[in-house]
Structure formats: structure tokens, C-alpha cells
C-alpha atoms as a PDB file:
ATOM      1  CA  MET A   1     126.935 153.751  67.642  1.00  0.00           C
ATOM      2  CA  LYS A   2     128.861 156.510  69.425  1.00  0.00           C
ATOM      3  CA  SER A   3     125.965 158.483  70.811  1.00  0.00           C
ATOM      4  CA  LEU A   4     125.069 158.361  74.484  1.00  0.00           C
ATOM      5  CA  ILE A   5     121.338 158.837  74.912  1.00  0.00           C
ATOM      6  CA  ARG A   6     120.029 160.739  77.899  1.00  0.00           C
ATOM      7  CA  TRP A   7     118.133 158.229  79.981  1.00  0.00           C
ATOM      8  CA  GLY A   8     117.426 160.662  82.792  1.00  0.00           C
ATOM      9  CA  ALA A   9     113.648 160.463  82.430  1.00  0.00           C
ATOM     10  CA  THR A  10     113.744 156.715  82.965  1.00  0.00           C
ATOM     11  CA  LEU A  11     116.112 156.747  85.936  1.00  0.00           C
ATOM     12  CA  GLY A  12     113.391 157.578  88.444  1.00  0.00           C
ATOM     13  CA  LEU A  13     110.748 155.225  87.107  1.00  0.00           C
ATOM     14  CA  VAL A  14     111.663 151.948  88.776  1.00  0.00           C
ATOM     15  CA  GLY A  15     111.896 153.330  92.269  1.00  0.00           C
ATOM     16  CA  GLY A  16     109.101 155.870  92.149  1.00  0.00           C
ATOM     17  CA  THR A  17     106.221 154.467  90.148  1.00  0.00           C
ATOM     18  CA  LEU A  18     103.404 152.356  91.605  1.00  0.00           C
ATOM     19  CA  PHE A  19     100.949 150.214  89.722  1.00  0.00           C
ATOM     20  CA  GLY A  20      97.504 151.634  89.265  1.00  0.00           C
ATOM     21  CA  SER A  21      94.379 149.770  88.337  1.00  0.00           C
ATOM     22  CA  VAL A  22      94.055 147.041  85.769  1.00  0.00           C
ATOM     23  CA  SER A  23      92.699 148.497  82.565  1.00  0.00           C
ATOM     24  CA  ALA A  24      91.805 147.214  79.124  1.00  0.00           C
ATOM     25  CA  PRO A  25      94.169 148.534  76.462  1.00  0.00           C
ATOM     26  CA  ALA A  26      92.814 151.188  74.129  1.00  0.00           C
ATOM     27  CA  PRO A  27      92.568 150.159  70.454  1.00  0.00           C
ATOM     28  CA  ALA A  28      95.663 151.048  68.446  1.00  0.00           C
ATOM     29  CA  LEU A  29      97.247 150.222  65.107  1.00  0.00           C
ATOM     30  CA  ALA A  30     100.733 148.870  64.569  1.00  0.00           C
ATOM     31  CA  LEU A  31     103.272 151.523  65.420  1.00  0.00           C
ATOM     32  CA  SER A  32     105.193 153.617  62.932  1.00  0.00           C
ATOM     33  CA  GLU A  33     108.991 153.360  62.802  1.00  0.00           C
ATOM     34  CA  ASP A  34     109.312 156.683  64.640  1.00  0.00           C
ATOM     35  CA  GLU A  35     106.970 155.511  67.408  1.00  0.00           C
ATOM     36  CA  ILE A  36     108.923 152.273  67.831  1.00  0.00           C
ATOM     37  CA  MET A  37     112.174 154.224  67.995  1.00  0.00           C
ATOM     38  CA  GLN A  38     110.730 156.467  70.712  1.00  0.00           C
ATOM     39  CA  LYS A  39     109.764 153.447  72.821  1.00  0.00           C
ATOM     40  CA  LEU A  40     113.190 151.833  72.478  1.00  0.00           C
ATOM     41  CA  ALA A  41     115.301 154.983  72.909  1.00  0.00           C
ATOM     42  CA  SER A  42     115.138 154.814  76.723  1.00  0.00           C
ATOM     43  CA  VAL A  43     116.661 151.302  76.900  1.00  0.00           C
ATOM     44  CA  PRO A  44     120.459 151.176  77.190  1.00  0.00           C
ATOM     45  CA  VAL A  45     122.181 148.087  75.793  1.00  0.00           C
ATOM     46  CA  PHE A  46     125.849 147.231  75.489  1.00  0.00           C
ATOM     47  CA  ALA A  47     127.862 146.247  72.423  1.00  0.00           C
ATOM     48  CA  ILE A  48     131.497 145.353  71.879  1.00  0.00           C
ATOM     49  CA  THR A  49     133.003 147.864  69.467  1.00  0.00           C
ATOM     50  CA  ASP A  50     136.350 149.004  68.140  1.00  0.00           C
ATOM     51  CA  ALA A  51     138.012 152.187  69.378  1.00  0.00           C
ATOM     52  CA  GLU A  52     135.943 154.272  66.917  1.00  0.00           C
ATOM     53  CA  GLY A  53     132.644 152.824  68.148  1.00  0.00           C
ATOM     54  CA  SER A  54     131.914 150.508  65.209  1.00  0.00           C
ATOM     55  CA  PRO A  55     130.389 147.174  66.287  1.00  0.00           C
ATOM     56  CA  LEU A  56     132.670 144.167  66.446  1.00  0.00           C
ATOM     57  CA  ILE A  57     131.283 141.618  63.997  1.00  0.00           C
ATOM     58  CA  ALA A  58     131.811 138.024  65.083  1.00  0.00           C
ATOM     59  CA  SER A  59     131.192 134.690  63.415  1.00  0.00           C
ATOM     60  CA  ILE A  60     128.158 132.945  64.945  1.00  0.00           C
ATOM     61  CA  SER A  61     126.264 129.742  64.260  1.00  0.00           C
ATOM     62  CA  ASN A  62     122.850 130.064  62.682  1.00  0.00           C
ATOM     63  CA  PRO A  63     120.456 127.200  61.830  1.00  0.00           C
ATOM     64  CA  GLU A  64     119.381 126.969  58.203  1.00  0.00           C
ATOM     65  CA  ARG A  65     115.999 125.683  57.097  1.00  0.00           C
ATOM     66  CA  ASP A  66     117.237 122.103  56.760  1.00  0.00           C
ATOM     67  CA  GLY A  67     118.495 122.146  60.341  1.00  0.00           C
ATOM     68  CA  GLU A  68     122.175 122.469  59.415  1.00  0.00           C
ATOM     69  CA  MET A  69     124.303 125.059  61.160  1.00  0.00           C
ATOM     70  CA  THR A  70     126.078 127.716  59.135  1.00  0.00           C
ATOM     71  CA  GLU A  71     128.483 130.476  60.157  1.00  0.00           C
ATOM     72  CA  VAL A  72     127.173 134.018  59.646  1.00  0.00           C
ATOM     73  CA  ALA A  73     128.343 137.488  60.598  1.00  0.00           C
ATOM     74  CA  GLY A  74     126.798 138.622  63.846  1.00  0.00           C
ATOM     75  CA  VAL A  75     126.717 141.380  66.447  1.00  0.00           C
ATOM     76  CA  PHE A  76     126.156 140.504  70.098  1.00  0.00           C
ATOM     77  CA  VAL A  77     123.953 142.919  72.044  1.00  0.00           C
ATOM     78  CA  PHE A  78     124.220 142.540  75.820  1.00  0.00           C
ATOM     79  CA  MET A  79     121.514 143.538  78.269  1.00  0.00           C
ATOM     80  CA  ASN A  80     124.047 143.878  81.086  1.00  0.00           C
ATOM     81  CA  PRO A  81     127.370 145.797  80.977  1.00  0.00           C
ATOM     82  CA  GLN A  82     129.154 143.282  83.211  1.00  0.00           C
ATOM     83  CA  ASP A  83     128.499 140.470  80.726  1.00  0.00           C
ATOM     84  CA  ALA A  84     129.910 142.569  77.891  1.00  0.00           C
ATOM     85  CA  ASN A  85     132.962 143.500  79.982  1.00  0.00           C
ATOM     86  CA  ARG A  86     133.661 139.840  80.729  1.00  0.00           C
ATOM     87  CA  VAL A  87     133.663 139.069  77.006  1.00  0.00           C
ATOM     88  CA  VAL A  88     136.112 141.913  76.347  1.00  0.00           C
ATOM     89  CA  GLU A  89     138.389 140.672  79.148  1.00  0.00           C
ATOM     90  CA  ARG A  90     138.373 137.121  77.775  1.00  0.00           C
ATOM     91  CA  LEU A  91     138.928 138.379  74.239  1.00  0.00           C
ATOM     92  CA  THR A  92     141.962 140.476  75.187  1.00  0.00           C
ATOM     93  CA  GLN A  93     143.407 137.636  77.252  1.00  0.00           C
ATOM     94  CA  GLU A  94     143.172 135.261  74.301  1.00  0.00           C
ATOM     95  CA  GLN A  95     144.332 137.898  71.809  1.00  0.00           C
ATOM     96  CA  PRO A  96     146.553 140.419  73.658  1.00  0.00           C
ATOM     97  CA  GLU A  97     147.091 142.426  70.460  1.00  0.00           C
ATOM     98  CA  MET A  98     143.434 143.542  70.723  1.00  0.00           C
ATOM     99  CA  ALA A  99     143.958 145.262  74.065  1.00  0.00           C
ATOM    100  CA  GLY A 100     142.992 148.900  73.630  1.00  0.00           C
ATOM    101  CA  GLU A 101     141.343 148.078  70.286  1.00  0.00           C
ATOM    102  CA  VAL A 102     138.017 146.805  71.662  1.00  0.00           C
ATOM    103  CA  GLN A 103     135.699 148.306  74.240  1.00  0.00           C
ATOM    104  CA  VAL A 104     132.187 148.123  75.639  1.00  0.00           C
ATOM    105  CA  THR A 105     129.981 150.851  74.189  1.00  0.00           C
ATOM    106  CA  VAL A 106     126.597 151.819  75.596  1.00  0.00           C
ATOM    107  CA  ILE A 107     123.957 152.582  72.984  1.00  0.00           C
ATOM    108  CA  SER A 108     120.188 152.615  72.866  1.00  0.00           C
ATOM    109  CA  LEU A 109     118.052 149.691  71.820  1.00  0.00           C
ATOM    110  CA  ALA A 110     116.548 152.079  69.274  1.00  0.00           C
ATOM    111  CA  GLU A 111     119.905 152.338  67.493  1.00  0.00           C
ATOM    112  CA  ILE A 112     120.259 148.556  67.435  1.00  0.00           C
ATOM    113  CA  TYR A 113     116.734 148.252  66.086  1.00  0.00           C
ATOM    114  CA  GLN A 114     117.529 150.772  63.345  1.00  0.00           C
ATOM    115  CA  LEU A 115     120.744 148.939  62.371  1.00  0.00           C
ATOM    116  CA  GLU A 116     118.900 145.638  62.316  1.00  0.00           C
ATOM    117  CA  GLN A 117     116.192 147.013  60.021  1.00  0.00           C
ATOM    118  CA  ARG A 118     118.766 148.461  57.620  1.00  0.00           C
ATOM    119  CA  ASN A 119     120.523 145.103  57.399  1.00  0.00           C
ATOM    120  CA  ARG A 120     117.398 143.088  56.617  1.00  0.00           C
ATOM    121  CA  ASP A 121     117.578 143.809  52.897  1.00  0.00           C
ATOM    122  CA  GLN A 122     121.315 143.183  52.503  1.00  0.00           C
ATOM    123  CA  ASN A 123     122.600 140.239  50.469  1.00  0.00           C
ATOM    124  CA  THR A 124     124.576 139.029  53.483  1.00  0.00           C
ATOM    125  CA  PRO A 125     122.623 140.397  56.451  1.00  0.00           C
ATOM    126  CA  ILE A 126     124.230 140.638  59.862  1.00  0.00           C
ATOM    127  CA  GLU A 127     122.569 138.655  62.631  1.00  0.00           C
ATOM    128  CA  PHE A 128     121.875 140.601  65.833  1.00  0.00           C
ATOM    129  CA  SER A 129     122.003 138.299  68.863  1.00  0.00           C
ATOM    130  CA  TYR A 130     120.504 139.632  72.083  1.00  0.00           C
ATOM    131  CA  VAL A 131     122.242 138.288  75.195  1.00  0.00           C
ATOM    132  CA  PRO A 132     120.238 138.270  78.459  1.00  0.00           C
ATOM    133  CA  THR A 133     121.802 137.730  81.865  1.00  0.00           C
ATOM    134  CA  ARG A 134     121.825 134.258  83.369  1.00  0.00           C
ATOM    135  CA  GLN A 135     119.738 135.555  86.271  1.00  0.00           C
ATOM    136  CA  ASP A 136     117.064 136.783  83.857  1.00  0.00           C
ATOM    137  CA  ILE A 137     117.029 133.415  82.092  1.00  0.00           C
ATOM    138  CA  GLU A 138     116.621 131.580  85.402  1.00  0.00           C
ATOM    139  CA  SER A 139     113.828 133.942  86.463  1.00  0.00           C
ATOM    140  CA  ALA A 140     111.975 133.413  83.186  1.00  0.00           C
ATOM    141  CA  VAL A 141     112.331 129.635  83.468  1.00  0.00           C
ATOM    142  CA  SER A 142     110.962 129.790  87.010  1.00  0.00           C
ATOM    143  CA  VAL A 143     107.916 131.828  85.930  1.00  0.00           C
ATOM    144  CA  LEU A 144     107.056 129.441  83.089  1.00  0.00           C
ATOM    145  CA  LEU A 145     107.591 126.270  85.126  1.00  0.00           C
ATOM    146  CA  ASP A 146     105.419 127.635  87.941  1.00  0.00           C
ATOM    147  CA  SER A 147     102.611 128.306  85.455  1.00  0.00           C
ATOM    148  CA  GLY A 148     102.936 124.946  83.668  1.00  0.00           C
ATOM    149  CA  ARG A 149     104.283 126.401  80.413  1.00  0.00           C
ATOM    150  CA  GLU A 150     107.253 124.104  79.871  1.00  0.00           C
ATOM    151  CA  GLY A 151     106.463 124.016  76.148  1.00  0.00           C
ATOM    152  CA  GLU A 152     107.769 127.570  75.771  1.00  0.00           C
ATOM    153  CA  LEU A 153     111.221 126.512  76.978  1.00  0.00           C
ATOM    154  CA  VAL A 154     114.033 124.633  75.252  1.00  0.00           C
ATOM    155  CA  GLN A 155     116.360 122.091  76.816  1.00  0.00           C
ATOM    156  CA  GLN A 156     120.143 122.097  76.607  1.00  0.00           C
ATOM    157  CA  ASN A 157     122.179 119.410  78.350  1.00  0.00           C
ATOM    158  CA  GLY A 158     119.162 118.502  80.448  1.00  0.00           C
ATOM    159  CA  GLU A 159     118.613 122.103  81.556  1.00  0.00           C
ATOM    160  CA  TYR A 160     115.662 124.350  80.693  1.00  0.00           C
ATOM    161  CA  ILE A 161     116.625 127.502  78.779  1.00  0.00           C
ATOM    162  CA  TYR A 162     114.453 130.491  77.909  1.00  0.00           C
ATOM    163  CA  PRO A 163     114.804 131.106  74.145  1.00  0.00           C
ATOM    164  CA  GLY A 164     115.341 134.861  74.032  1.00  0.00           C
ATOM    165  CA  VAL A 165     115.494 137.980  76.182  1.00  0.00           C
ATOM    166  CA  PRO A 166     112.743 137.810  78.815  1.00  0.00           C
ATOM    167  CA  LEU A 167     110.557 140.783  79.673  1.00  0.00           C
ATOM    168  CA  PHE A 168     108.562 140.581  82.900  1.00  0.00           C
ATOM    169  CA  MET A 169     105.102 142.023  83.385  1.00  0.00           C
ATOM    170  CA  ALA A 170     102.299 141.708  85.911  1.00  0.00           C
ATOM    171  CA  THR A 171      98.666 140.688  85.657  1.00  0.00           C
ATOM    172  CA  ALA A 172      95.987 140.990  88.326  1.00  0.00           C
ATOM    173  CA  GLY A 173      92.289 140.889  89.043  1.00  0.00           C
ATOM    174  CA  PRO A 174      89.638 138.255  88.368  1.00  0.00           C
ATOM    175  CA  GLU A 175      90.414 138.228  84.645  1.00  0.00           C
ATOM    176  CA  GLN A 176      94.191 138.630  85.079  1.00  0.00           C
ATOM    177  CA  GLY A 177      94.333 141.803  83.019  1.00  0.00           C
ATOM    178  CA  TYR A 178      97.628 143.580  82.457  1.00  0.00           C
ATOM    179  CA  MET A 179      98.532 145.958  85.237  1.00  0.00           C
ATOM    180  CA  THR A 180      99.285 149.539  84.279  1.00  0.00           C
ATOM    181  CA  VAL A 181     101.163 152.534  85.608  1.00  0.00           C
ATOM    182  CA  GLU A 182     100.266 156.146  84.984  1.00  0.00           C
ATOM    183  CA  VAL A 183     102.900 158.163  83.146  1.00  0.00           C
ATOM    184  CA  ASN A 184     102.152 161.795  82.294  1.00  0.00           C
ATOM    185  CA  GLY A 185      98.483 161.127  82.990  1.00  0.00           C
ATOM    186  CA  GLU A 186      98.283 158.176  80.584  1.00  0.00           C
ATOM    187  CA  PRO A 187      98.065 154.460  81.495  1.00  0.00           C
ATOM    188  CA  VAL A 188     100.917 152.340  80.161  1.00  0.00           C
ATOM    189  CA  ILE A 189     101.792 148.651  80.449  1.00  0.00           C
ATOM    190  CA  PRO A 190     105.382 148.334  81.725  1.00  0.00           C
ATOM    191  CA  LEU A 191     107.645 145.548  80.494  1.00  0.00           C
ATOM    192  CA  PHE A 192     110.548 145.071  82.908  1.00  0.00           C
ATOM    193  CA  PHE A 193     113.909 143.756  81.731  1.00  0.00           C
ATOM    194  CA  GLY A 194     114.641 142.681  85.321  1.00  0.00           C
ATOM    195  CA  ARG A 195     112.292 140.617  87.452  1.00  0.00           C
ATOM    196  CA  ASP A 196     113.765 142.117  90.626  1.00  0.00           C
ATOM    197  CA  ASP A 197     112.603 145.573  89.520  1.00  0.00           C
ATOM    198  CA  LEU A 198     109.091 144.262  88.907  1.00  0.00           C
ATOM    199  CA  ASP A 199     109.105 142.460  92.267  1.00  0.00           C
ATOM    200  CA  ASN A 200     110.068 145.707  94.010  1.00  0.00           C
ATOM    201  CA  VAL A 201     107.083 147.488  92.504  1.00  0.00           C
ATOM    202  CA  ILE A 202     104.754 144.614  93.392  1.00  0.00           C
ATOM    203  CA  ALA A 203     106.033 144.820  96.979  1.00  0.00           C
ATOM    204  CA  HIS A 204     104.875 148.458  97.114  1.00  0.00           C
ATOM    205  CA  VAL A 205     101.445 147.371  95.906  1.00  0.00           C
ATOM    206  CA  GLU A 206     101.256 144.683  98.589  1.00  0.00           C
ATOM    207  CA  GLU A 207     101.911 147.315 101.236  1.00  0.00           C
ATOM    208  CA  GLN A 208      99.383 149.826  99.951  1.00  0.00           C
ATOM    209  CA  GLN A 209      96.678 147.588  98.436  1.00  0.00           C
ATOM    210  CA  PRO A 210      96.953 144.141 100.068  1.00  0.00           C
ATOM    211  CA  ASP A 211      93.580 142.894  98.789  1.00  0.00           C
ATOM    212  CA  PHE A 212      94.415 143.865  95.229  1.00  0.00           C
ATOM    213  CA  ALA A 213      97.979 142.568  95.480  1.00  0.00           C
ATOM    214  CA  SER A 214      96.814 139.081  96.392  1.00  0.00           C
ATOM    215  CA  THR A 215      95.678 138.588  92.776  1.00  0.00           C
ATOM    216  CA  VAL A 216      98.953 139.743  91.190  1.00  0.00           C
ATOM    217  CA  GLU A 217     100.819 137.223  89.037  1.00  0.00           C
ATOM    218  CA  THR A 218     104.057 137.552  87.075  1.00  0.00           C
ATOM    219  CA  ASP A 219     104.154 136.828  83.358  1.00  0.00           C
ATOM    220  CA  VAL A 220     107.056 136.736  80.902  1.00  0.00           C
ATOM    221  CA  VAL A 221     107.261 137.508  77.172  1.00  0.00           C
ATOM    222  CA  ARG A 222     110.148 137.549  74.685  1.00  0.00           C
ATOM    223  CA  LEU A 223     111.719 140.859  73.666  1.00  0.00           C
ATOM    224  CA  GLU A 224     112.201 139.518  70.154  1.00  0.00           C
ATOM    225  CA  GLY A 225     108.500 138.654  69.896  1.00  0.00           C
ATOM    226  CA  VAL A 226     107.437 142.054  71.242  1.00  0.00           C
ATOM    227  CA  LEU A 227     109.593 143.800  68.625  1.00  0.00           C
ATOM    228  CA  GLU A 228     107.912 141.757  65.890  1.00  0.00           C
ATOM    229  CA  THR A 229     104.522 142.716  67.313  1.00  0.00           C
ATOM    230  CA  LEU A 230     105.425 146.406  67.318  1.00  0.00           C
ATOM    231  CA  ARG A 231     106.525 146.157  63.686  1.00  0.00           C
ATOM    232  CA  ASN A 232     103.885 143.985  62.127  1.00  0.00           C
ATOM    233  CA  GLU A 233     100.656 143.618  64.094  1.00  0.00           C
ATOM    234  CA  ASP A 234      97.575 145.770  64.541  1.00  0.00           C
ATOM    235  CA  ASN A 235      97.469 144.885  68.221  1.00  0.00           C
ATOM    236  CA  GLU A 236      95.305 146.606  70.810  1.00  0.00           C
ATOM    237  CA  MET A 237      98.025 147.009  73.404  1.00  0.00           C
ATOM    238  CA  VAL A 238     101.083 148.054  71.391  1.00  0.00           C
ATOM    239  CA  GLY A 239     100.507 151.745  71.952  1.00  0.00           C
ATOM    240  CA  GLN A 240     100.510 151.275  75.733  1.00  0.00           C
ATOM    241  CA  LEU A 241     103.668 149.189  76.051  1.00  0.00           C
ATOM    242  CA  MET A 242     106.604 150.792  77.854  1.00  0.00           C
ATOM    243  CA  PHE A 243     110.057 149.223  78.262  1.00  0.00           C
ATOM    244  CA  VAL A 244     111.657 149.542  81.717  1.00  0.00           C
ATOM    245  CA  PRO A 245     115.425 148.854  81.641  1.00  0.00           C
ATOM    246  CA  HIS A 246     117.409 147.095  84.357  1.00  0.00           C
ATOM    247  CA  SER A 247     117.978 149.448  87.275  1.00  0.00           C
ATOM    248  CA  GLU A 248     121.624 148.269  87.234  1.00  0.00           C
ATOM    249  CA  SER A 249     121.984 149.319  83.600  1.00  0.00           C
ATOM    250  CA  LEU A 250     120.475 152.717  84.319  1.00  0.00           C
ATOM    251  CA  GLU A 251     122.835 153.145  87.268  1.00  0.00           C
ATOM    252  CA  PHE A 252     125.780 152.224  85.044  1.00  0.00           C
ATOM    253  CA  VAL A 253     124.725 154.777  82.432  1.00  0.00           C
ATOM    254  CA  GLY A 254     124.118 157.435  85.080  1.00  0.00           C
ATOM    255  CA  ASN A 255     127.614 156.925  86.509  1.00  0.00           C
ATOM    256  CA  LEU A 256     129.107 157.007  83.012  1.00  0.00           C
ATOM    257  CA  MET A 257     127.343 160.263  82.198  1.00  0.00           C
ATOM    258  CA  GLN A 258     128.580 161.760  85.462  1.00  0.00           C
ATOM    259  CA  GLN A 259     132.153 160.725  84.674  1.00  0.00           C
ATOM    260  CA  MET A 260     131.909 162.229  81.194  1.00  0.00           C
ATOM    261  CA  GLN A 261     130.589 165.488  82.623  1.00  0.00           C
ATOM    262  CA  GLN A 262     133.433 165.641  85.141  1.00  0.00           C
ATOM    263  CA  GLN A 263     135.986 164.997  82.371  1.00  0.00           C
ATOM    264  CA  ARG A 264     134.513 167.795  80.252  1.00  0.00           C
ATOM    265  CA  GLN A 265     134.691 170.176  83.207  1.00  0.00           C
ATOM    266  CA  GLN A 266     138.320 169.267  83.840  1.00  0.00           C
ATOM    267  CA  GLN A 267     139.177 169.864  80.182  1.00  0.00           C
ATOM    268  CA  GLN A 268     137.605 173.325  80.077  1.00  0.00           C
ATOM    269  CA  PRO A 269     140.206 176.130  80.107  1.00  0.00           C
ATOM    270  CA  GLN A 270     140.473 177.920  83.435  1.00  0.00           C
ATOM    271  CA  LEU A 271     140.997 181.702  83.613  1.00  0.00           C
ATOM    272  CA  GLN A 272     144.182 182.556  85.461  1.00  0.00           C
ATOM    273  CA  PRO A 273     145.436 186.000  86.607  1.00  0.00           C
ATOM    274  CA  GLY A 274     148.073 187.268  84.183  1.00  0.00           C
ATOM    275  CA  ASN A 275     150.983 189.671  84.267  1.00  0.00           C
ATOM    276  CA  SER A 276     150.577 193.383  83.641  1.00  0.00           C
ATOM    277  CA  ALA A 277     150.036 194.149  79.976  1.00  0.00           C
ATOM    278  CA  PRO A 278     149.673 197.291  77.860  1.00  0.00           C
ATOM    279  CA  PRO A 279     146.082 198.587  77.613  1.00  0.00           C
ATOM    280  CA  LEU A 280     144.056 197.430  74.634  1.00  0.00           C
ATOM    281  CA  PRO A 281     142.663 200.050  72.258  1.00  0.00           C
ATOM    282  CA  ASP A 282     139.355 201.548  73.481  1.00  0.00           C
ATOM    283  CA  SER A 283     139.685 199.680  76.787  1.00  0.00           C
ATOM    284  CA  GLY A 284     139.512 202.850  78.826  1.00  0.00           C
ATOM    285  CA  ARG A 285     142.757 202.021  80.617  1.00  0.00           C
END
């Protein structure tokens, strides 16, 4: 949980990549664990941990098969660092003795995935709860309502809620095929954690290919469902899927890495001129 993955290769993707043509996915089998880890390693997420970097395990409600709610051990995984920071602030206000004992730690979604898989076979498994931003939830609700897919939403207190972490993707063309980008000469299907990032890319397409852009539509899928697909299904498109993190999260990680580098430089010993000293043996002095 302590490691800070280098997300440098992903930092330039959102701003610099344009959609190419719509293409049919190449046939592929379900991915291996290593392949899944590679896909998830570029996604930073945020957990509340102790000072040593171990995840803070909370008590959360979980529905049993008969519909009753039971309390289970759980780890909250935030998609946005600000949401995690707000939880830490509230926690330390309510329990001042925890100040300095809890922190927000940035890790990769691959590490969370690995922890989750290891816990599946435990007698008392830990539940991993993914926490999207409210803006992402509202965007996902808007997409589904606009396309008449209210059945994929749940209602709480008279309000529609998206049941999971939304990932946004684009379709286009007469058959509404998935739009692709070219990465290292290969077509991939990007799944955006933030709708704003997808909208920015679509705006570039509208400028450069207005006829093509007129057929573009936004779709939304659940992160949790995509992870199940990667694990369990022989699906044609799984090999082409690529996760694109929030640009805000990447900026946060980039700033954090810069701060860490500056701290390391400040801690490095600096050579200073010294006083005259006797010559060392074989020094030629």
C-alpha cells in the first residue's frame, strides 16, 4: 500500500489523444491476472490508511441474501483525493486522538485489485467499497436518463443513484460501434473515469471531423462490472480496453511526485568547502 506508481505515461493521454475510427474489437480471451494488473496499474486511487500505510478498516453495512443488513469489515477506495481528504478531516474532528494517525494514501487500482483477490478466500473477507465522486454519479444518471435506461439506476429518497463507479465511453457511426484511440500503433477502447475528460476529447473530434462527430454518443458502464468481465469472460473487447483516470487525479499524483522529488533533493548531503587538512596517503599532496 506504500508504493507510489509512476503514472507519467498516462499524464499526457487525456490532453493529447484524439479518437480515431470506429473499429470492431479483435477476438481475445479473458485476461490473465498479470494482464489485468497491467491495465489497472495506471489508475491512481485513494485510500485512508494509518501512518505506516496499512488500510483503515471500517465497519460497513452489507446486505445478506435474505435482505437483512449486516456489519462487515470494509475498506473504502476513493476515486478522488478531495473526497478522501474530507473523510479524514471529519474523522479527526470527531476523534481528535486520531490526528496524525490517519492519512490519505495514493495507490494503484492494481494494488486494490490484488488485495481484493487475496481476500476472496478468507473466512471473514474484507469488503472493498469503491467511492465515486458526486459529479460522476450525476453525469452517469444523466447519460442513462437521456437514453431511456432508468432501469439501470436505483432510487434513494426519491433521487436516482448510479449503483457503482461509472466509466464513460463513446460510440459513433451508423452501428454505434465503440470509438477507439491509437496507442503505440494499436487501437484501444478508452474508458474514462471522468465524463469531462471524455467530453474534451469529443470536442476535438467535433472540430476536426464534424461529420463523424455528429454521430458520437456517450455511454456509461460500471467499473465493478468491467472488472468482473476482465476476470471471468472470454469477451471480444477485453484486450482492447484501456482505463483513463481523472485528469484531476493525475494532476494530484504529478504534484505529489514533484514534492517528493524536491524533498529528496533537499535531504541529499551537500558538499561544503572544508578547512585545511593533512594530505591523505597516496594523494599526491
